[in-house]
Amino acid sequence: MNYTEDQIAKIGDNIILALKTVYDPEIPVDIYELGLIYDVQISEIGEVKVIMTLTTPNCPVAESLPQEVKEKVAAVEMVKEVDLELTFEPAWNKEMMSEEAKFELGILF
């Protein structure tokens, strides 16, 4: 069964809400606002591909954080399968953070 555009949009919204519950343990801001999620693609049958990065390749949660993201996205209603791709191209930098994250961390003046 293929999902409609509205259903896919709702899945996307719910994935974003799920991603906003995942935090980098060293920074008190969720990974979505930090800009660690580069892309979320949702197929017509509910297969999801998440492309994300970490603040550094040596991040202490390099093993556990992607797994947590995959589990949270998989728990979203109507998601059938999750493929998570971890990339370091382009490398993450502070400019990728949302205005909200920059304000939260005192970077926005």
Protein backbone atom coordinates (compact mmCIF):
# COMPACT_ATOMS: atom_id res chain seq x y z
CA MET A 1 0.00 0.00 0.00
CA ASN A 2 1.34 3.39 -0.99
CA TYR A 3 0.93 6.38 1.28
CA THR A 4 -0.54 9.66 0.09
CA GLU A 5 1.47 12.88 0.07
CA ASP A 6 -0.44 14.00 3.18
CA GLN A 7 0.41 10.77 4.99
CA ILE A 8 4.08 11.10 4.02
CA ALA A 9 4.08 14.71 5.26
CA LYS A 10 2.56 13.55 8.58
CA ILE A 11 5.19 10.80 8.89
CA GLY A 12 7.86 13.47 8.24
CA ASP A 13 6.44 15.73 10.94
CA ASN A 14 6.35 12.83 13.40
CA ILE A 15 9.93 11.86 12.54
CA ILE A 16 11.05 15.43 13.30
CA LEU A 17 9.23 15.27 16.65
CA ALA A 18 11.00 11.96 17.40
CA LEU A 19 14.39 13.39 16.41
CA LYS A 20 13.84 16.33 18.76
CA THR A 21 13.82 13.85 21.66
CA VAL A 22 17.41 12.76 20.94
CA TYR A 23 20.16 14.81 22.54
CA ASP A 24 23.91 14.93 22.12
CA PRO A 25 24.97 14.20 25.71
CA GLU A 26 27.61 16.92 25.68
CA ILE A 27 25.35 19.70 24.37
CA PRO A 28 21.93 20.48 25.91
CA VAL A 29 20.22 20.82 22.52
CA ASP A 30 18.46 18.14 20.48
CA ILE A 31 20.23 16.73 17.42
CA TYR A 32 17.66 18.17 14.99
CA GLU A 33 18.21 21.75 16.18
CA LEU A 34 21.97 21.11 16.27
CA GLY A 35 21.86 20.43 12.54
CA LEU A 36 23.12 16.86 12.82
CA ILE A 37 20.29 15.59 10.60
CA TYR A 38 21.20 16.32 6.99
CA ASP A 39 18.25 14.66 5.26
CA VAL A 40 15.19 12.49 5.86
CA GLN A 41 13.72 10.71 2.85
CA ILE A 42 10.39 8.86 3.05
CA SER A 43 9.26 6.47 0.33
CA GLU A 44 5.64 5.90 -0.68
CA ILE A 45 5.65 2.63 1.28
CA GLY A 46 7.05 4.03 4.53
CA GLU A 47 10.73 3.24 4.12
CA VAL A 48 12.82 6.00 5.68
CA LYS A 49 16.41 6.99 4.99
CA VAL A 50 18.08 9.29 7.51
CA ILE A 51 21.39 10.94 6.64
CA MET A 52 23.08 12.36 9.71
CA THR A 53 26.43 13.34 11.12
CA LEU A 54 28.05 13.79 14.51
CA THR A 55 29.70 16.91 15.91
CA THR A 56 33.07 15.15 15.46
CA PRO A 57 34.12 11.73 14.12
CA ASN A 58 35.54 11.00 17.59
CA CYS A 59 32.25 11.79 19.32
CA PRO A 60 31.96 9.66 22.49
CA VAL A 61 28.48 8.50 21.40
CA ALA A 62 29.49 7.62 17.83
CA GLU A 63 28.19 4.08 18.38
CA SER A 64 25.08 4.71 20.47
CA LEU A 65 23.66 7.95 19.04
CA PRO A 66 22.99 6.66 15.49
CA GLN A 67 21.36 3.54 16.98
CA GLU A 68 19.15 5.71 19.19
CA VAL A 69 18.13 7.79 16.16
CA LYS A 70 17.31 4.64 14.18
CA GLU A 71 15.20 3.25 17.04
CA LYS A 72 13.28 6.52 17.58
CA VAL A 73 12.51 6.87 13.85
CA ALA A 74 11.50 3.19 13.60
CA ALA A 75 9.02 3.74 16.44
CA VAL A 76 7.14 6.42 14.45
CA GLU A 77 3.74 5.20 13.30
CA MET A 78 3.60 4.02 9.65
CA VAL A 79 7.42 3.77 9.34
CA LYS A 80 8.17 0.33 7.90
CA GLU A 81 11.96 0.35 7.75
CA VAL A 82 14.81 2.72 8.62
CA ASP A 83 18.12 3.02 6.82
CA LEU A 84 20.54 5.30 8.64
CA GLU A 85 23.58 6.69 6.87
CA LEU A 86 26.29 8.33 8.95
CA THR A 87 28.39 10.82 7.02
CA PHE A 88 31.05 13.40 7.75
CA GLU A 89 30.71 15.18 4.40
CA PRO A 90 30.19 18.03 4.82
CA ALA A 91 31.74 18.23 8.26
CA TRP A 92 29.39 19.63 10.90
CA ASN A 93 29.98 23.19 12.09
CA LYS A 94 28.18 25.70 14.31
CA GLU A 95 26.59 27.39 11.29
CA MET A 96 24.40 24.31 10.81
CA MET A 97 22.60 24.90 14.11
CA SER A 98 19.14 26.45 14.10
CA GLU A 99 18.67 29.95 15.49
CA GLU A 100 16.94 28.32 18.47
CA ALA A 101 19.99 26.12 19.20
CA LYS A 102 22.39 29.06 18.85
CA PHE A 103 20.26 31.11 21.24
CA GLU A 104 20.04 28.18 23.69
CA LEU A 105 23.82 27.87 23.73
CA GLY A 106 24.43 31.60 23.92
CA ILE A 107 26.04 31.78 20.46
CA LEU A 108 23.42 34.13 19.00
CA PHE A 109 23.91 37.78 19.85
